[in-house]
């Protein structure tokens, strides 16, 4: 992530940029609408490919973290978004970005001292 800026408070902004092999640069620009540590995070977000400036209506997302049996945590993410111009490409790029993000998260968590 060459850009990772975040002010995680209600009304705070964030800007993330990822480079995903085979898909190029993707960026997210958002505003937190609810921050309730450690379990809830809501935001309105705009997504852009390459160097595009995001426009159009934002997506709304809610992330919840809940305790599960055995000391695990269940993350639930709900995203409400307008119809993308090219749904198939958007789905492919989103899946690639999510897979890359989760792989990096797994690497970081697995490498941390227990």
Protein backbone atom coordinates (compact mmCIF):
# COMPACT_ATOMS: atom_id res chain seq x y z
CA UNK A 1 0.00 0.00 0.00
CA UNK A 2 1.90 3.07 -1.16
CA UNK A 3 -0.75 5.30 0.47
CA UNK A 4 -2.42 4.53 3.81
CA UNK A 5 -3.93 7.58 5.50
CA UNK A 6 -6.66 7.30 8.12
CA UNK A 7 -8.28 9.37 10.86
CA UNK A 8 -10.53 6.70 12.46
CA UNK A 9 -13.11 8.88 14.18
CA UNK A 10 -16.68 9.68 13.11
CA UNK A 11 -16.31 12.34 10.41
CA UNK A 12 -12.63 11.47 9.85
CA UNK A 13 -11.32 10.71 6.37
CA UNK A 14 -9.25 7.92 4.89
CA UNK A 15 -7.36 7.31 1.65
CA UNK A 16 -5.82 3.97 0.70
CA UNK A 17 -3.98 2.99 -2.47
CA UNK A 18 -3.09 -0.60 -3.36
CA UNK A 19 -1.23 -1.99 -6.33
CA UNK A 20 -2.50 -5.46 -7.23
CA UNK A 21 -0.40 -7.47 -9.72
CA UNK A 22 -2.31 -7.95 -12.95
CA UNK A 23 -4.87 -5.28 -12.05
CA UNK A 24 -2.88 -2.12 -11.35
CA UNK A 25 -3.57 0.63 -8.87
CA UNK A 26 -6.81 0.86 -6.89
CA UNK A 27 -7.70 3.61 -4.44
CA UNK A 28 -10.33 4.20 -1.80
CA UNK A 29 -11.40 7.60 -0.48
CA UNK A 30 -13.81 7.61 2.42
CA UNK A 31 -15.31 9.19 5.48
CA UNK A 32 -15.98 7.28 8.68
CA UNK A 33 -19.62 7.65 9.71
CA UNK A 34 -19.48 5.52 12.90
CA UNK A 35 -16.49 4.32 14.89
CA UNK A 36 -17.20 2.20 17.97
CA UNK A 37 -13.99 0.40 19.02
CA UNK A 38 -13.42 -2.45 19.08
CA UNK A 39 -16.50 -3.85 17.34
CA UNK A 40 -18.03 -1.52 14.73
CA UNK A 41 -16.89 0.67 11.88
CA UNK A 42 -19.11 2.33 9.27
CA UNK A 43 -18.01 4.46 6.34
CA UNK A 44 -19.07 6.07 3.09
CA UNK A 45 -16.49 5.35 0.40
CA UNK A 46 -15.60 6.07 -3.21
CA UNK A 47 -13.42 3.74 -5.25
CA UNK A 48 -11.22 4.53 -8.24
CA UNK A 49 -8.98 2.58 -10.60
CA UNK A 50 -5.59 3.94 -11.62
CA UNK A 51 -5.17 7.68 -11.15
CA UNK A 52 -8.88 8.41 -11.61
CA UNK A 53 -10.59 10.85 -9.30
CA UNK A 54 -13.54 9.08 -7.68
CA UNK A 55 -16.95 10.45 -8.53
CA UNK A 56 -20.56 9.41 -8.25
CA UNK A 57 -22.41 8.24 -5.20
CA UNK A 58 -20.41 6.53 -2.45
CA UNK A 59 -20.82 2.99 -1.25
CA UNK A 60 -21.84 2.55 2.38
CA UNK A 61 -20.16 -0.14 4.39
CA UNK A 62 -20.46 -1.60 7.86
CA UNK A 63 -17.82 -3.77 9.49
CA UNK A 64 -18.58 -5.70 12.66
CA UNK A 65 -16.17 -7.80 14.72
CA UNK A 66 -17.76 -10.33 17.04
CA UNK A 67 -16.27 -12.87 19.43
CA UNK A 68 -16.73 -16.51 18.45
CA UNK A 69 -16.09 -19.84 20.14
CA UNK A 70 -12.48 -20.79 20.76
CA UNK A 71 -11.20 -17.23 20.98
CA UNK A 72 -11.77 -16.51 17.30
CA UNK A 73 -13.25 -13.33 15.86
CA UNK A 74 -15.86 -13.21 13.11
CA UNK A 75 -15.66 -10.22 10.78
CA UNK A 76 -18.85 -9.31 8.91
CA UNK A 77 -18.67 -6.69 6.16
CA UNK A 78 -21.80 -5.34 4.50
CA UNK A 79 -21.44 -3.11 1.48
CA UNK A 80 -24.30 -1.24 -0.18
CA UNK A 81 -23.26 0.22 -3.49
CA UNK A 82 -24.64 1.68 -6.69
CA UNK A 83 -24.44 -0.50 -9.80
CA UNK A 84 -20.90 -0.31 -11.27
CA UNK A 85 -20.49 0.58 -14.95
CA UNK A 86 -18.82 -2.78 -15.64
CA UNK A 87 -20.03 -5.27 -12.99
CA UNK A 88 -17.90 -8.21 -14.17
CA UNK A 89 -14.64 -6.24 -14.17
CA UNK A 90 -15.51 -4.64 -10.85
CA UNK A 91 -16.19 -8.05 -9.27
CA UNK A 92 -12.91 -9.46 -10.63
CA UNK A 93 -10.88 -6.50 -9.40
CA UNK A 94 -12.64 -6.45 -6.04
CA UNK A 95 -12.00 -10.16 -5.51
CA UNK A 96 -8.31 -9.71 -6.40
CA UNK A 97 -7.96 -6.77 -4.01
CA UNK A 98 -9.74 -8.57 -1.17
CA UNK A 99 -7.66 -11.72 -1.68
CA UNK A 100 -4.43 -9.67 -1.63
CA UNK A 101 -5.56 -7.78 1.50
CA UNK A 102 -6.53 -10.93 3.38
CA UNK A 103 -3.31 -12.70 2.38
CA UNK A 104 -1.28 -9.78 3.74
CA UNK A 105 -3.36 -9.68 6.93
CA UNK A 106 -2.86 -13.44 7.39
CA UNK A 107 0.89 -13.00 6.88
CA UNK A 108 1.07 -10.17 9.42
CA UNK A 109 -1.02 -12.01 12.03
CA UNK A 110 0.86 -15.28 11.53
CA UNK A 111 4.23 -13.53 11.85
CA UNK A 112 3.37 -11.65 15.04
CA UNK A 113 4.67 -12.99 18.36
CA UNK A 114 2.06 -14.90 20.33
